Structures are given as structure tokens and as C-alpha cells.
């Protein structure tokens, strides 16, 4: 059984392995994975063009940074007005922000557990 260490070391070894097989037309991915002690599937997927975990786009995030900042600014504003921001109000505010930026002006609705997850 091969001991792969941590993700940073695997990522570094995969980078070296990709540099070695860069010019080869039909490389033997399994042999290279064994030589560099990296998981075969990770090396194969990176060879085929998939980004590493640290460089992939964020998943499960509907709001971008500016939209998140807007929601964070909305909470103290509600407090200053004397009405605490409740979960349904926050959800509606987020849905409104998403609707404003959506091309059809109607973004897909947020899930029922979007705020609490």
C-alpha cells in the first residue's frame, strides 16, 4: 500500500509528474503514478485538464464576494433601524440580490435550508 502523505505533497509530485509526461504522446499514466507515488486517478484527471482542488472554482456558493458584502451590510442596517434581520428577511434579500444580477431577472430560487447550512 502506498502512503501518499498530505495534499500539498501530492499536488507537488503531480506537478513534477505532469512536467515529465508533458511531451510524451501516449504516456503510461499508471507507471508514472507509481514512479512519483501519486494516486492514479488524480494524475489521470490532471493530465486530462482538470484543475487541482485548490485552483478549482468554488462550489455551492450562489453569492459572489460583493453580494456577500451587501448582505453583511444589510444586517447592521436592520439593527440600526430597530428591527433585527430574521432568517426569512435575509433569504428574501439574498434572492432579490440574485434576481438583480440574473440575466432573466429571475434567478432560480434559494433552497429552504440555504441560510442555515
PDB file of N, CA and C in Angstrom:
ATOM      1  N   UNK A   1       0.845  -1.184   0.000  1.00  0.00           N
ATOM      2  CA  UNK A   1       0.000   0.000   0.000  1.00  0.00           C
ATOM      3  C   UNK A   1       0.884   1.239   0.000  1.00  0.00           C
ATOM      4  N   UNK A   2       0.576   2.164  -0.853  1.00  0.00           N
ATOM      5  CA  UNK A   2       1.368   3.381  -0.989  1.00  0.00           C
ATOM      6  C   UNK A   2       0.875   4.427  -0.003  1.00  0.00           C
ATOM      7  N   UNK A   3       1.806   5.117   0.631  1.00  0.00           N
ATOM      8  CA  UNK A   3       1.462   6.196   1.555  1.00  0.00           C
ATOM      9  C   UNK A   3       1.682   7.505   0.826  1.00  0.00           C
ATOM     10  N   UNK A   4       0.615   8.276   0.632  1.00  0.00           N
ATOM     11  CA  UNK A   4       0.681   9.454  -0.214  1.00  0.00           C
ATOM     12  C   UNK A   4       1.043  10.739   0.512  1.00  0.00           C
ATOM     13  N   UNK A   5       1.008  10.767   1.815  1.00  0.00           N
ATOM     14  CA  UNK A   5       1.263  11.972   2.630  1.00  0.00           C
ATOM     15  C   UNK A   5       0.090  12.934   2.551  1.00  0.00           C
ATOM     16  N   UNK A   6       0.365  14.216   2.598  1.00  0.00           N
ATOM     17  CA  UNK A   6      -0.734  15.191   2.616  1.00  0.00           C
ATOM     18  C   UNK A   6      -0.980  15.762   1.214  1.00  0.00           C
ATOM     19  N   UNK A   7      -2.036  16.547   1.108  1.00  0.00           N
ATOM     20  CA  UNK A   7      -2.469  17.054  -0.193  1.00  0.00           C
ATOM     21  C   UNK A   7      -1.411  17.925  -0.861  1.00  0.00           C
ATOM     22  N   UNK A   8      -0.731  18.775  -0.087  1.00  0.00           N
ATOM     23  CA  UNK A   8       0.274  19.676  -0.672  1.00  0.00           C
ATOM     24  C   UNK A   8       1.417  18.885  -1.302  1.00  0.00           C
ATOM     25  N   UNK A   9       1.840  17.816  -0.639  1.00  0.00           N
ATOM     26  CA  UNK A   9       2.918  16.998  -1.201  1.00  0.00           C
ATOM     27  C   UNK A   9       2.455  16.247  -2.446  1.00  0.00           C
ATOM     28  N   UNK A  10       1.240  15.749  -2.414  1.00  0.00           N
ATOM     29  CA  UNK A  10       0.702  15.061  -3.592  1.00  0.00           C
ATOM     30  C   UNK A  10       0.607  16.029  -4.766  1.00  0.00           C
ATOM     31  N   UNK A  11       0.117  17.229  -4.500  1.00  0.00           N
ATOM     32  CA  UNK A  11      -0.022  18.233  -5.554  1.00  0.00           C
ATOM     33  C   UNK A  11       1.338  18.563  -6.168  1.00  0.00           C
ATOM     34  N   UNK A  12       2.352  18.681  -5.326  1.00  0.00           N
ATOM     35  CA  UNK A  12       3.700  18.985  -5.824  1.00  0.00           C
ATOM     36  C   UNK A  12       4.232  17.845  -6.686  1.00  0.00           C
ATOM     37  N   UNK A  13       4.046  16.601  -6.224  1.00  0.00           N
ATOM     38  CA  UNK A  13       4.532  15.456  -7.003  1.00  0.00           C
ATOM     39  C   UNK A  13       3.752  15.306  -8.311  1.00  0.00           C
ATOM     40  N   UNK A  14       2.461  15.614  -8.296  1.00  0.00           N
ATOM     41  CA  UNK A  14       1.673  15.557  -9.535  1.00  0.00           C
ATOM     42  C   UNK A  14       2.182  16.596 -10.523  1.00  0.00           C
ATOM     43  N   UNK A  15       2.551  17.776 -10.033  1.00  0.00           N
ATOM     44  CA  UNK A  15       3.100  18.819 -10.906  1.00  0.00           C
ATOM     45  C   UNK A  15       4.391  18.338 -11.559  1.00  0.00           C
ATOM     46  N   UNK A  16       5.257  17.693 -10.775  1.00  0.00           N
ATOM     47  CA  UNK A  16       6.502  17.155 -11.337  1.00  0.00           C
ATOM     48  C   UNK A  16       6.202  16.049 -12.353  1.00  0.00           C
ATOM     49  N   UNK A  17       5.251  15.182 -12.038  1.00  0.00           N
ATOM     50  CA  UNK A  17       4.900  14.091 -12.945  1.00  0.00           C
ATOM     51  C   UNK A  17       4.336  14.634 -14.256  1.00  0.00           C
ATOM     52  N   UNK A  18       3.513  15.666 -14.174  1.00  0.00           N
ATOM     53  CA  UNK A  18       2.961  16.264 -15.396  1.00  0.00           C
ATOM     54  C   UNK A  18       4.054  16.909 -16.238  1.00  0.00           C
ATOM     55  N   UNK A  19       5.068  17.472 -15.585  1.00  0.00           N
ATOM     56  CA  UNK A  19       6.181  18.062 -16.330  1.00  0.00           C
ATOM     57  C   UNK A  19       6.956  16.981 -17.074  1.00  0.00           C
ATOM     58  N   UNK A  20       7.075  15.809 -16.470  1.00  0.00           N
ATOM     59  CA  UNK A  20       7.812  14.710 -17.103  1.00  0.00           C
ATOM     60  C   UNK A  20       7.050  14.176 -18.313  1.00  0.00           C
ATOM     61  N   UNK A  21       5.742  14.014 -18.201  1.00  0.00           N
ATOM     62  CA  UNK A  21       4.971  13.409 -19.296  1.00  0.00           C
ATOM     63  C   UNK A  21       4.412  14.440 -20.269  1.00  0.00           C
ATOM     64  N   UNK A  22       4.813  15.674 -20.134  1.00  0.00           N
ATOM     65  CA  UNK A  22       4.270  16.753 -20.957  1.00  0.00           C
ATOM     66  C   UNK A  22       4.471  16.521 -22.450  1.00  0.00           C
ATOM     67  N   UNK A  23       5.637  16.121 -22.890  1.00  0.00           N
ATOM     68  CA  UNK A  23       5.910  15.988 -24.316  1.00  0.00           C
ATOM     69  C   UNK A  23       5.627  14.610 -24.879  1.00  0.00           C
ATOM     70  N   UNK A  24       5.261  13.661 -24.051  1.00  0.00           N
ATOM     71  CA  UNK A  24       5.037  12.290 -24.500  1.00  0.00           C
ATOM     72  C   UNK A  24       3.634  12.171 -25.097  1.00  0.00           C
ATOM     73  N   UNK A  25       3.546  11.487 -26.259  1.00  0.00           N
ATOM     74  CA  UNK A  25       2.264  11.398 -26.954  1.00  0.00           C
ATOM     75  C   UNK A  25       1.265  10.510 -26.215  1.00  0.00           C
ATOM     76  N   UNK A  26       1.626   9.303 -25.866  1.00  0.00           N
ATOM     77  CA  UNK A  26       0.744   8.383 -25.135  1.00  0.00           C
ATOM     78  C   UNK A  26       1.465   7.885 -23.887  1.00  0.00           C
ATOM     79  N   UNK A  27       1.497   8.684 -22.840  1.00  0.00           N
ATOM     80  CA  UNK A  27       2.238   8.263 -21.650  1.00  0.00           C
ATOM     81  C   UNK A  27       1.501   7.159 -20.892  1.00  0.00           C
ATOM     82  N   UNK A  28       2.265   6.348 -20.193  1.00  0.00           N
ATOM     83  CA  UNK A  28       1.702   5.318 -19.330  1.00  0.00           C
ATOM     84  C   UNK A  28       1.443   5.969 -17.972  1.00  0.00           C
ATOM     85  N   UNK A  29       0.229   6.409 -17.765  1.00  0.00           N
ATOM     86  CA  UNK A  29      -0.126   7.165 -16.560  1.00  0.00           C
ATOM     87  C   UNK A  29       0.055   6.308 -15.313  1.00  0.00           C
ATOM     88  N   UNK A  30      -0.293   5.037 -15.389  1.00  0.00           N
ATOM     89  CA  UNK A  30      -0.174   4.162 -14.220  1.00  0.00           C
ATOM     90  C   UNK A  30       1.280   4.033 -13.782  1.00  0.00           C
ATOM     91  N   UNK A  31       2.184   3.871 -14.736  1.00  0.00           N
ATOM     92  CA  UNK A  31       3.603   3.747 -14.391  1.00  0.00           C
ATOM     93  C   UNK A  31       4.142   5.045 -13.801  1.00  0.00           C
ATOM     94  N   UNK A  32       3.759   6.161 -14.376  1.00  0.00           N
ATOM     95  CA  UNK A  32       4.211   7.458 -13.859  1.00  0.00           C
ATOM     96  C   UNK A  32       3.642   7.685 -12.460  1.00  0.00           C
ATOM     97  N   UNK A  33       2.395   7.293 -12.236  1.00  0.00           N
ATOM     98  CA  UNK A  33       1.790   7.438 -10.911  1.00  0.00           C
ATOM     99  C   UNK A  33       2.548   6.610  -9.879  1.00  0.00           C
ATOM    100  N   UNK A  34       2.945   5.408 -10.256  1.00  0.00           N
ATOM    101  CA  UNK A  34       3.742   4.582  -9.328  1.00  0.00           C
ATOM    102  C   UNK A  34       5.110   5.194  -9.090  1.00  0.00           C
ATOM    103  N   UNK A  35       5.752   5.697 -10.152  1.00  0.00           N
ATOM    104  CA  UNK A  35       7.093   6.278 -10.013  1.00  0.00           C
ATOM    105  C   UNK A  35       7.097   7.495  -9.092  1.00  0.00           C
ATOM    106  N   UNK A  36       6.063   8.305  -9.170  1.00  0.00           N
ATOM    107  CA  UNK A  36       6.012   9.531  -8.370  1.00  0.00           C
ATOM    108  C   UNK A  36       5.184   9.366  -7.092  1.00  0.00           C
ATOM    109  N   UNK A  37       4.672   8.171  -6.838  1.00  0.00           N
ATOM    110  CA  UNK A  37       3.884   7.856  -5.642  1.00  0.00           C
ATOM    111  C   UNK A  37       2.707   8.821  -5.483  1.00  0.00           C
ATOM    112  N   UNK A  38       1.915   8.907  -6.548  1.00  0.00           N
ATOM    113  CA  UNK A  38       0.708   9.738  -6.518  1.00  0.00           C
ATOM    114  C   UNK A  38      -0.483   8.868  -6.905  1.00  0.00           C
ATOM    115  N   UNK A  39      -1.684   9.224  -6.482  1.00  0.00           N
ATOM    116  CA  UNK A  39      -2.868   8.455  -6.869  1.00  0.00           C
ATOM    117  C   UNK A  39      -3.087   8.506  -8.385  1.00  0.00           C
ATOM    118  N   UNK A  40      -3.331   7.342  -8.961  1.00  0.00           N
ATOM    119  CA  UNK A  40      -3.510   7.222 -10.406  1.00  0.00           C
ATOM    120  C   UNK A  40      -4.640   8.116 -10.907  1.00  0.00           C
ATOM    121  N   UNK A  41      -5.789   8.075 -10.228  1.00  0.00           N
ATOM    122  CA  UNK A  41      -6.954   8.842 -10.702  1.00  0.00           C
ATOM    123  C   UNK A  41      -6.692  10.340 -10.693  1.00  0.00           C
ATOM    124  N   UNK A  42      -6.014  10.824  -9.658  1.00  0.00           N
ATOM    125  CA  UNK A  42      -5.717  12.260  -9.603  1.00  0.00           C
ATOM    126  C   UNK A  42      -4.786  12.660 -10.736  1.00  0.00           C
ATOM    127  N   UNK A  43      -3.754  11.854 -10.969  1.00  0.00           N
ATOM    128  CA  UNK A  43      -2.811  12.166 -12.043  1.00  0.00           C
ATOM    129  C   UNK A  43      -3.509  12.120 -13.400  1.00  0.00           C
ATOM    130  N   UNK A  44      -4.347  11.124 -13.612  1.00  0.00           N
ATOM    131  CA  UNK A  44      -5.058  10.999 -14.883  1.00  0.00           C
ATOM    132  C   UNK A  44      -5.974  12.199 -15.122  1.00  0.00           C
ATOM    133  N   UNK A  45      -6.709  12.602 -14.106  1.00  0.00           N
ATOM    134  CA  UNK A  45      -7.630  13.734 -14.266  1.00  0.00           C
ATOM    135  C   UNK A  45      -6.881  15.034 -14.495  1.00  0.00           C
ATOM    136  N   UNK A  46      -5.777  15.218 -13.799  1.00  0.00           N
ATOM    137  CA  UNK A  46      -4.980  16.430 -14.019  1.00  0.00           C
ATOM    138  C   UNK A  46      -4.357  16.407 -15.412  1.00  0.00           C
ATOM    139  N   UNK A  47      -3.938  15.233 -15.890  1.00  0.00           N
ATOM    140  CA  UNK A  47      -3.370  15.102 -17.231  1.00  0.00           C
ATOM    141  C   UNK A  47      -4.421  15.447 -18.292  1.00  0.00           C
ATOM    142  N   UNK A  48      -5.672  15.096 -18.020  1.00  0.00           N
ATOM    143  CA  UNK A  48      -6.752  15.378 -18.966  1.00  0.00           C
ATOM    144  C   UNK A  48      -7.263  16.807 -18.871  1.00  0.00           C
ATOM    145  N   UNK A  49      -6.722  17.602 -17.935  1.00  0.00           N
ATOM    146  CA  UNK A  49      -7.058  19.016 -17.914  1.00  0.00           C
ATOM    147  C   UNK A  49      -7.849  19.517 -16.728  1.00  0.00           C
ATOM    148  N   UNK A  50      -8.216  18.667 -15.804  1.00  0.00           N
ATOM    149  CA  UNK A  50      -8.975  19.131 -14.639  1.00  0.00           C
ATOM    150  C   UNK A  50      -8.052  19.921 -13.718  1.00  0.00           C
ATOM    151  N   UNK A  51      -8.585  20.972 -13.124  1.00  0.00           N
ATOM    152  CA  UNK A  51      -7.807  21.772 -12.181  1.00  0.00           C
ATOM    153  C   UNK A  51      -7.662  21.033 -10.861  1.00  0.00           C
ATOM    154  N   UNK A  52      -6.643  21.429 -10.102  1.00  0.00           N
ATOM    155  CA  UNK A  52      -6.484  20.849  -8.777  1.00  0.00           C
ATOM    156  C   UNK A  52      -7.554  21.406  -7.853  1.00  0.00           C
ATOM    157  N   UNK A  53      -7.702  20.784  -6.708  1.00  0.00           N
ATOM    158  CA  UNK A  53      -8.734  21.203  -5.762  1.00  0.00           C
ATOM    159  C   UNK A  53      -8.580  22.658  -5.350  1.00  0.00           C
ATOM    160  N   UNK A  54      -7.340  23.089  -5.175  1.00  0.00           N
ATOM    161  CA  UNK A  54      -7.112  24.453  -4.686  1.00  0.00           C
ATOM    162  C   UNK A  54      -7.313  25.510  -5.769  1.00  0.00           C
ATOM    163  N   UNK A  55      -7.303  25.122  -7.043  1.00  0.00           N
ATOM    164  CA  UNK A  55      -7.474  26.104  -8.116  1.00  0.00           C
ATOM    165  C   UNK A  55      -8.825  25.990  -8.817  1.00  0.00           C
ATOM    166  N   UNK A  56      -9.662  25.049  -8.389  1.00  0.00           N
ATOM    167  CA  UNK A  56     -10.992  24.903  -8.972  1.00  0.00           C
ATOM    168  C   UNK A  56     -11.903  26.036  -8.537  1.00  0.00           C
ATOM    169  N   UNK A  57     -12.913  26.362  -9.336  1.00  0.00           N
ATOM    170  CA  UNK A  57     -13.889  27.362  -8.893  1.00  0.00           C
ATOM    171  C   UNK A  57     -14.647  26.871  -7.657  1.00  0.00           C
ATOM    172  N   UNK A  58     -15.104  27.799  -6.874  1.00  0.00           N
ATOM    173  CA  UNK A  58     -15.827  27.471  -5.653  1.00  0.00           C
ATOM    174  C   UNK A  58     -17.157  26.817  -6.009  1.00  0.00           C
ATOM    175  N   UNK A  59     -17.508  25.773  -5.265  1.00  0.00           N
ATOM    176  CA  UNK A  59     -18.795  25.120  -5.476  1.00  0.00           C
ATOM    177  C   UNK A  59     -19.747  25.482  -4.344  1.00  0.00           C
ATOM    178  N   UNK A  60     -21.000  25.289  -4.578  1.00  0.00           N
ATOM    179  CA  UNK A  60     -22.050  25.526  -3.581  1.00  0.00           C
ATOM    180  C   UNK A  60     -22.041  26.951  -3.042  1.00  0.00           C
ATOM    181  N   UNK A  61     -21.754  27.899  -3.876  1.00  0.00           N
ATOM    182  CA  UNK A  61     -21.778  29.295  -3.461  1.00  0.00           C
ATOM    183  C   UNK A  61     -22.568  30.086  -4.495  1.00  0.00           C
ATOM    184  N   UNK A  62     -23.691  30.615  -4.090  1.00  0.00           N
ATOM    185  CA  UNK A  62     -24.543  31.340  -5.024  1.00  0.00           C
ATOM    186  C   UNK A  62     -24.180  32.812  -5.101  1.00  0.00           C
ATOM    187  N   UNK A  63     -23.630  33.361  -4.006  1.00  0.00           N
ATOM    188  CA  UNK A  63     -23.317  34.785  -3.955  1.00  0.00           C
ATOM    189  C   UNK A  63     -21.828  35.007  -4.184  1.00  0.00           C
ATOM    190  N   UNK A  64     -21.492  36.058  -4.929  1.00  0.00           N
ATOM    191  CA  UNK A  64     -20.083  36.407  -5.077  1.00  0.00           C
ATOM    192  C   UNK A  64     -19.673  37.292  -3.899  1.00  0.00           C
ATOM    193  N   UNK A  65     -18.431  37.731  -3.884  1.00  0.00           N
ATOM    194  CA  UNK A  65     -17.906  38.486  -2.740  1.00  0.00           C
ATOM    195  C   UNK A  65     -18.649  39.805  -2.529  1.00  0.00           C
ATOM    196  N   UNK A  66     -18.953  40.513  -3.607  1.00  0.00           N
ATOM    197  CA  UNK A  66     -19.657  41.794  -3.478  1.00  0.00           C
ATOM    198  C   UNK A  66     -21.075  41.588  -2.948  1.00  0.00           C
ATOM    199  N   UNK A  67     -21.727  40.530  -3.403  1.00  0.00           N
ATOM    200  CA  UNK A  67     -23.081  40.254  -2.933  1.00  0.00           C
ATOM    201  C   UNK A  67     -23.086  39.854  -1.461  1.00  0.00           C
ATOM    202  N   UNK A  68     -22.082  39.084  -1.050  1.00  0.00           N
ATOM    203  CA  UNK A  68     -21.969  38.727   0.367  1.00  0.00           C
ATOM    204  C   UNK A  68     -21.749  39.968   1.216  1.00  0.00           C
ATOM    205  N   UNK A  69     -20.916  40.883   0.734  1.00  0.00           N
ATOM    206  CA  UNK A  69     -20.667  42.123   1.479  1.00  0.00           C
ATOM    207  C   UNK A  69     -21.947  42.942   1.608  1.00  0.00           C
ATOM    208  N   UNK A  70     -22.770  42.935   0.573  1.00  0.00           N
ATOM    209  CA  UNK A  70     -24.041  43.658   0.622  1.00  0.00           C
ATOM    210  C   UNK A  70     -24.960  43.075   1.693  1.00  0.00           C
ATOM    211  N   UNK A  71     -25.027  41.757   1.756  1.00  0.00           N
ATOM    212  CA  UNK A  71     -25.868  41.115   2.770  1.00  0.00           C
ATOM    213  C   UNK A  71     -25.318  41.397   4.165  1.00  0.00           C
ATOM    214  N   UNK A  72     -23.993  41.363   4.310  1.00  0.00           N
ATOM    215  CA  UNK A  72     -23.392  41.653   5.616  1.00  0.00           C
ATOM    216  C   UNK A  72     -23.648  43.095   6.033  1.00  0.00           C
ATOM    217  N   UNK A  73     -23.721  44.012   5.094  1.00  0.00           N
ATOM    218  CA  UNK A  73     -24.024  45.412   5.418  1.00  0.00           C
ATOM    219  C   UNK A  73     -25.510  45.587   5.738  1.00  0.00           C
ATOM    220  N   UNK A  74     -26.343  44.719   5.206  1.00  0.00           N
ATOM    221  CA  UNK A  74     -27.789  44.791   5.441  1.00  0.00           C
ATOM    222  C   UNK A  74     -28.136  44.466   6.897  1.00  0.00           C
ATOM    223  N   UNK A  75     -27.398  43.559   7.507  1.00  0.00           N
ATOM    224  CA  UNK A  75     -27.704  43.131   8.878  1.00  0.00           C
ATOM    225  C   UNK A  75     -27.535  44.278   9.878  1.00  0.00           C
ATOM    226  N   UNK A  76     -26.388  45.000   9.908  1.00  0.00           N
ATOM    227  CA  UNK A  76     -26.290  46.130  10.849  1.00  0.00           C
ATOM    228  C   UNK A  76     -27.287  47.250  10.537  1.00  0.00           C
ATOM    229  N   UNK A  77     -27.618  47.402   9.261  1.00  0.00           N
ATOM    230  CA  UNK A  77     -28.602  48.427   8.890  1.00  0.00           C
ATOM    231  C   UNK A  77     -29.959  48.107   9.506  1.00  0.00           C
ATOM    232  N   UNK A  78     -30.348  46.852   9.460  1.00  0.00           N
ATOM    233  CA  UNK A  78     -31.611  46.451  10.090  1.00  0.00           C
ATOM    234  C   UNK A  78     -31.549  46.678  11.601  1.00  0.00           C
ATOM    235  N   UNK A  79     -30.398  46.376  12.213  1.00  0.00           N
ATOM    236  CA  UNK A  79     -30.249  46.587  13.655  1.00  0.00           C
ATOM    237  C   UNK A  79     -30.375  48.060  14.012  1.00  0.00           C
ATOM    238  N   UNK A  80     -29.786  48.938  13.203  1.00  0.00           N
ATOM    239  CA  UNK A  80     -29.876  50.377  13.469  1.00  0.00           C
ATOM    240  C   UNK A  80     -31.313  50.880  13.360  1.00  0.00           C
ATOM    241  N   UNK A  81     -32.088  50.250  12.497  1.00  0.00           N
ATOM    242  CA  UNK A  81     -33.490  50.634  12.343  1.00  0.00           C
ATOM    243  C   UNK A  81     -34.374  50.047  13.443  1.00  0.00           C
ATOM    244  N   UNK A  82     -33.786  49.221  14.290  1.00  0.00           N
ATOM    245  CA  UNK A  82     -34.534  48.654  15.405  1.00  0.00           C
ATOM    246  C   UNK A  82     -35.307  47.399  15.069  1.00  0.00           C
ATOM    247  N   UNK A  83     -35.020  46.797  13.933  1.00  0.00           N
ATOM    248  CA  UNK A  83     -35.683  45.538  13.595  1.00  0.00           C
ATOM    249  C   UNK A  83     -34.612  44.520  13.224  1.00  0.00           C
ATOM    250  N   UNK A  84     -34.473  43.488  14.021  1.00  0.00           N
ATOM    251  CA  UNK A  84     -33.432  42.502  13.731  1.00  0.00           C
ATOM    252  C   UNK A  84     -33.722  41.775  12.415  1.00  0.00           C
ATOM    253  N   UNK A  85     -32.663  41.444  11.720  1.00  0.00           N
ATOM    254  CA  UNK A  85     -32.813  40.737  10.444  1.00  0.00           C
ATOM    255  C   UNK A  85     -33.115  39.270  10.730  1.00  0.00           C
ATOM    256  N   UNK A  86     -34.307  38.850  10.404  1.00  0.00           N
ATOM    257  CA  UNK A  86     -34.718  37.466  10.609  1.00  0.00           C
ATOM    258  C   UNK A  86     -34.319  36.631   9.394  1.00  0.00           C
ATOM    259  N   UNK A  87     -34.312  35.337   9.584  1.00  0.00           N
ATOM    260  CA  UNK A  87     -33.879  34.431   8.511  1.00  0.00           C
ATOM    261  C   UNK A  87     -34.712  34.618   7.239  1.00  0.00           C
ATOM    262  N   UNK A  88     -36.038  34.703   7.314  1.00  0.00           N
ATOM    263  CA  UNK A  88     -36.794  34.920   6.066  1.00  0.00           C
ATOM    264  C   UNK A  88     -36.441  36.239   5.375  1.00  0.00           C
ATOM    265  N   UNK A  89     -36.162  37.286   6.172  1.00  0.00           N
ATOM    266  CA  UNK A  89     -35.780  38.568   5.576  1.00  0.00           C
ATOM    267  C   UNK A  89     -34.435  38.452   4.871  1.00  0.00           C
ATOM    268  N   UNK A  90     -33.482  37.778   5.505  1.00  0.00           N
ATOM    269  CA  UNK A  90     -32.167  37.599   4.876  1.00  0.00           C
ATOM    270  C   UNK A  90     -32.288  36.783   3.594  1.00  0.00           C
ATOM    271  N   UNK A  91     -33.089  35.737   3.646  1.00  0.00           N
ATOM    272  CA  UNK A  91     -33.275  34.901   2.458  1.00  0.00           C
ATOM    273  C   UNK A  91     -33.901  35.708   1.323  1.00  0.00           C
ATOM    274  N   UNK A  92     -34.908  36.523   1.644  1.00  0.00           N
ATOM    275  CA  UNK A  92     -35.542  37.353   0.614  1.00  0.00           C
ATOM    276  C   UNK A  92     -34.578  38.402   0.070  1.00  0.00           C
ATOM    277  N   UNK A  93     -33.740  38.968   0.946  1.00  0.00           N
ATOM    278  CA  UNK A  93     -32.754  39.951   0.490  1.00  0.00           C
ATOM    279  C   UNK A  93     -31.749  39.298  -0.456  1.00  0.00           C
ATOM    280  N   UNK A  94     -31.300  38.096  -0.106  1.00  0.00           N
ATOM    281  CA  UNK A  94     -30.352  37.385  -0.975  1.00  0.00           C
ATOM    282  C   UNK A  94     -30.999  37.030  -2.303  1.00  0.00           C
ATOM    283  N   UNK A  95     -32.250  36.598  -2.261  1.00  0.00           N
ATOM    284  CA  UNK A  95     -32.951  36.270  -3.500  1.00  0.00           C
ATOM    285  C   UNK A  95     -33.101  37.506  -4.375  1.00  0.00           C
ATOM    286  N   UNK A  96     -33.390  38.643  -3.762  1.00  0.00           N
ATOM    287  CA  UNK A  96     -33.521  39.899  -4.507  1.00  0.00           C
ATOM    288  C   UNK A  96     -32.196  40.277  -5.168  1.00  0.00           C
ATOM    289  N   UNK A  97     -31.096  40.133  -4.425  1.00  0.00           N
ATOM    290  CA  UNK A  97     -29.769  40.444  -4.977  1.00  0.00           C
ATOM    291  C   UNK A  97     -29.463  39.528  -6.155  1.00  0.00           C
ATOM    292  N   UNK A  98     -29.766  38.244  -6.006  1.00  0.00           N
ATOM    293  CA  UNK A  98     -29.532  37.307  -7.109  1.00  0.00           C
ATOM    294  C   UNK A  98     -30.411  37.636  -8.314  1.00  0.00           C
ATOM    295  N   UNK A  99     -31.656  38.036  -8.062  1.00  0.00           N
ATOM    296  CA  UNK A  99     -32.560  38.397  -9.163  1.00  0.00           C
ATOM    297  C   UNK A  99     -32.044  39.610  -9.933  1.00  0.00           C
ATOM    298  N   UNK A 100     -31.451  40.570  -9.215  1.00  0.00           N
ATOM    299  CA  UNK A 100     -30.933  41.776  -9.878  1.00  0.00           C
ATOM    300  C   UNK A 100     -29.806  41.459 -10.855  1.00  0.00           C
ATOM    301  N   UNK A 101     -28.997  40.480 -10.520  1.00  0.00           N
ATOM    302  CA  UNK A 101     -27.831  40.167 -11.354  1.00  0.00           C
ATOM    303  C   UNK A 101     -28.093  39.049 -12.357  1.00  0.00           C
ATOM    304  N   UNK A 102     -29.233  38.404 -12.280  1.00  0.00           N
ATOM    305  CA  UNK A 102     -29.529  37.296 -13.192  1.00  0.00           C
ATOM    306  C   UNK A 102     -29.945  37.849 -14.551  1.00  0.00           C
ATOM    307  N   UNK A 103     -29.525  37.218 -15.663  1.00  0.00           N
ATOM    308  CA  UNK A 103     -29.854  37.729 -16.998  1.00  0.00           C
ATOM    309  C   UNK A 103     -31.360  37.807 -17.268  1.00  0.00           C
ATOM    310  N   UNK A 104     -32.129  36.871 -16.748  1.00  0.00           N
ATOM    311  CA  UNK A 104     -33.578  36.873 -16.977  1.00  0.00           C
ATOM    312  C   UNK A 104     -34.333  37.616 -15.885  1.00  0.00           C
ATOM    313  N   UNK A 105     -33.622  38.253 -14.999  1.00  0.00           N
ATOM    314  CA  UNK A 105     -34.152  38.985 -13.840  1.00  0.00           C
ATOM    315  C   UNK A 105     -34.974  38.114 -12.899  1.00  0.00           C
ATOM    316  N   UNK A 106     -34.809  36.800 -13.004  1.00  0.00           N
ATOM    317  CA  UNK A 106     -35.454  35.889 -12.073  1.00  0.00           C
ATOM    318  C   UNK A 106     -34.520  34.695 -11.866  1.00  0.00           C
ATOM    319  N   UNK A 107     -33.711  34.781 -10.823  1.00  0.00           N
ATOM    320  CA  UNK A 107     -32.749  33.719 -10.533  1.00  0.00           C
ATOM    321  C   UNK A 107     -33.480  32.499  -9.982  1.00  0.00           C
ATOM    322  N   UNK A 108     -32.893  31.320 -10.119  1.00  0.00           N
ATOM    323  CA  UNK A 108     -33.509  30.142  -9.505  1.00  0.00           C
ATOM    324  C   UNK A 108     -33.659  30.367  -8.001  1.00  0.00           C
ATOM    325  N   UNK A 109     -34.749  29.910  -7.427  1.00  0.00           N
ATOM    326  CA  UNK A 109     -34.988  30.190  -6.009  1.00  0.00           C
ATOM    327  C   UNK A 109     -33.963  29.513  -5.108  1.00  0.00           C
ATOM    328  N   UNK A 110     -33.691  30.162  -3.993  1.00  0.00           N
ATOM    329  CA  UNK A 110     -32.801  29.587  -2.994  1.00  0.00           C
ATOM    330  C   UNK A 110     -33.509  28.423  -2.309  1.00  0.00           C
ATOM    331  N   UNK A 111     -32.747  27.440  -1.897  1.00  0.00           N
ATOM    332  CA  UNK A 111     -33.328  26.295  -1.205  1.00  0.00           C
ATOM    333  C   UNK A 111     -33.820  26.663   0.183  1.00  0.00           C
ATOM    334  N   UNK A 112     -34.637  25.796   0.753  1.00  0.00           N
ATOM    335  CA  UNK A 112     -35.217  26.108   2.058  1.00  0.00           C
ATOM    336  C   UNK A 112     -34.167  26.133   3.157  1.00  0.00           C
ATOM    337  N   UNK A 113     -33.064  25.434   2.994  1.00  0.00           N
ATOM    338  CA  UNK A 113     -32.011  25.403   4.006  1.00  0.00           C
ATOM    339  C   UNK A 113     -30.793  26.227   3.610  1.00  0.00           C
ATOM    340  N   UNK A 114     -30.934  27.126   2.649  1.00  0.00           N
ATOM    341  CA  UNK A 114     -29.780  27.885   2.151  1.00  0.00           C
ATOM    342  C   UNK A 114     -29.108  28.693   3.255  1.00  0.00           C
ATOM    343  N   UNK A 115     -29.867  29.364   4.075  1.00  0.00           N
ATOM    344  CA  UNK A 115     -29.302  30.242   5.108  1.00  0.00           C
ATOM    345  C   UNK A 115     -28.720  29.441   6.255  1.00  0.00           C
ATOM    346  N   UNK A 116     -29.365  28.371   6.638  1.00  0.00           N
ATOM    347  CA  UNK A 116     -28.971  27.658   7.850  1.00  0.00           C
ATOM    348  C   UNK A 116     -27.857  26.649   7.639  1.00  0.00           C
ATOM    349  N   UNK A 117     -27.437  26.418   6.426  1.00  0.00           N
ATOM    350  CA  UNK A 117     -26.364  25.432   6.223  1.00  0.00           C
ATOM    351  C   UNK A 117     -25.015  26.038   6.440  1.00  0.00           C
TER     352      UNK A 117
END
